[in-house]
Amino acid sequence: MATLLKMAISETLRTPRRRGWSQRRIADELGVRPHQVGAAVELLDGGSTVPFIARYRKERTDSLDEEQLRQLEERLGYRRHLEGEPIPAATRAVFERIEGLD
């Protein structure tokens, strides 16, 4: 149990460094600030939906609108796919929907 806890803590500490590059890149692509992307990613990873974040968590994302959040979610899924990072279920569903449009 202690070993699993140590591994989880170690992974948690490494994750922001790995994600930092993608989040900055997504922020540049969308023309928003990196902390907005970071807050949105945190909420999406926590299971919040795009409409919920757009309506009820504007203070956390500095008023990202629903379209920006959808683009962010799409690009996040794409970047995580490229980097081999585990993709949360909600983001994976969006990514699969997009792939189905091809």
Protein backbone atom coordinates (compact mmCIF):
# COMPACT_ATOMS: atom_id res chain seq x y z
CA MET A 1 0.00 0.00 0.00
CA ALA A 2 2.80 2.42 0.89
CA THR A 3 4.55 1.62 -2.38
CA LEU A 4 1.40 2.40 -4.37
CA LEU A 5 1.01 5.67 -2.51
CA LYS A 6 4.63 6.62 -3.24
CA MET A 7 4.15 5.79 -6.91
CA ALA A 8 0.96 7.88 -7.09
CA ILE A 9 2.65 10.85 -5.43
CA SER A 10 5.65 10.54 -7.72
CA GLU A 11 3.40 10.43 -10.79
CA THR A 12 1.42 13.43 -9.56
CA LEU A 13 4.61 15.45 -9.16
CA ARG A 14 5.86 14.54 -12.66
CA THR A 15 2.56 15.09 -14.48
CA PRO A 16 2.48 18.93 -14.43
CA ARG A 17 5.96 19.10 -15.96
CA ARG A 18 4.96 16.76 -18.78
CA ARG A 19 1.64 18.48 -19.32
CA GLY A 20 3.11 21.96 -19.09
CA TRP A 21 4.45 21.83 -22.64
CA SER A 22 1.13 20.73 -24.13
CA GLN A 23 -0.87 23.22 -22.12
CA ARG A 24 1.35 26.11 -23.22
CA ARG A 25 1.06 24.96 -26.80
CA ILE A 26 -2.73 24.68 -26.59
CA ALA A 27 -2.87 28.15 -25.01
CA ASP A 28 -0.85 29.55 -27.93
CA GLU A 29 -3.08 27.81 -30.48
CA LEU A 30 -6.29 29.12 -28.87
CA GLY A 31 -4.92 32.57 -28.07
CA VAL A 32 -5.60 32.26 -24.32
CA ARG A 33 -3.39 32.28 -21.23
CA PRO A 34 -1.76 29.05 -19.99
CA HIS A 35 -3.40 29.28 -16.56
CA GLN A 36 -6.83 29.27 -18.26
CA VAL A 37 -5.90 26.06 -20.06
CA GLY A 38 -4.53 24.56 -16.84
CA ALA A 39 -7.73 25.32 -14.93
CA ALA A 40 -9.92 23.91 -17.71
CA VAL A 41 -7.80 20.74 -17.96
CA GLU A 42 -8.08 20.24 -14.21
CA LEU A 43 -11.87 20.56 -14.38
CA LEU A 44 -12.17 18.29 -17.44
CA ASP A 45 -9.94 15.66 -15.83
CA GLY A 46 -12.12 15.88 -12.74
CA GLY A 47 -15.13 14.82 -14.80
CA SER A 48 -16.78 18.20 -15.43
CA THR A 49 -18.46 18.67 -18.79
CA VAL A 50 -17.83 21.56 -21.16
CA PRO A 51 -21.31 23.12 -20.68
CA PHE A 52 -20.94 22.89 -16.90
CA ILE A 53 -17.52 24.58 -16.95
CA ALA A 54 -18.72 27.28 -19.36
CA ARG A 55 -21.75 28.12 -17.22
CA TYR A 56 -20.70 27.52 -13.64
CA ARG A 57 -16.90 27.65 -13.49
CA LYS A 58 -16.17 30.86 -15.41
CA GLU A 59 -14.25 32.25 -12.44
CA ARG A 60 -11.82 29.32 -12.59
CA THR A 61 -11.19 29.59 -16.34
CA ASP A 62 -11.31 33.40 -16.61
CA SER A 63 -14.48 33.23 -18.72
CA LEU A 64 -13.51 30.78 -21.44
CA ASP A 65 -16.63 30.33 -23.56
CA GLU A 66 -18.12 27.00 -24.59
CA GLU A 67 -16.55 27.06 -28.07
CA GLN A 68 -13.06 27.72 -26.66
CA LEU A 69 -13.54 24.92 -24.13
CA ARG A 70 -14.64 22.49 -26.86
CA GLN A 71 -11.58 23.37 -28.95
CA LEU A 72 -9.39 22.98 -25.87
CA GLU A 73 -10.91 19.58 -25.08
CA GLU A 74 -10.37 18.42 -28.67
CA ARG A 75 -6.76 19.59 -28.80
CA LEU A 76 -6.02 18.20 -25.35
CA GLY A 77 -7.24 14.77 -26.44
CA TYR A 78 -5.15 14.98 -29.61
CA ARG A 79 -2.00 16.03 -27.72
CA ARG A 80 -2.46 13.34 -25.09
CA HIS A 81 -2.95 10.79 -27.83
CA LEU A 82 0.30 11.89 -29.48
CA GLU A 83 2.23 11.90 -26.20
CA GLY A 84 0.86 8.53 -25.11
CA GLU A 85 -0.69 10.00 -21.96
CA PRO A 86 -3.75 8.33 -20.49
CA ILE A 87 -6.86 10.07 -21.76
CA PRO A 88 -9.79 10.57 -19.34
CA ALA A 89 -13.05 8.90 -20.41
CA ALA A 90 -14.87 12.16 -21.21
CA THR A 91 -12.04 13.43 -23.40
CA ARG A 92 -11.66 10.00 -25.03
CA ALA A 93 -15.35 10.05 -26.01
CA VAL A 94 -14.92 13.41 -27.76
CA PHE A 95 -11.78 12.20 -29.52
CA GLU A 96 -13.56 9.05 -30.73
CA ARG A 97 -16.49 11.14 -31.98
CA ILE A 98 -14.08 13.30 -33.99
CA GLU A 99 -12.29 10.27 -35.45
CA GLY A 100 -15.70 8.86 -36.48
CA LEU A 101 -16.33 11.93 -38.63
CA ASP A 102 -13.48 11.06 -41.01
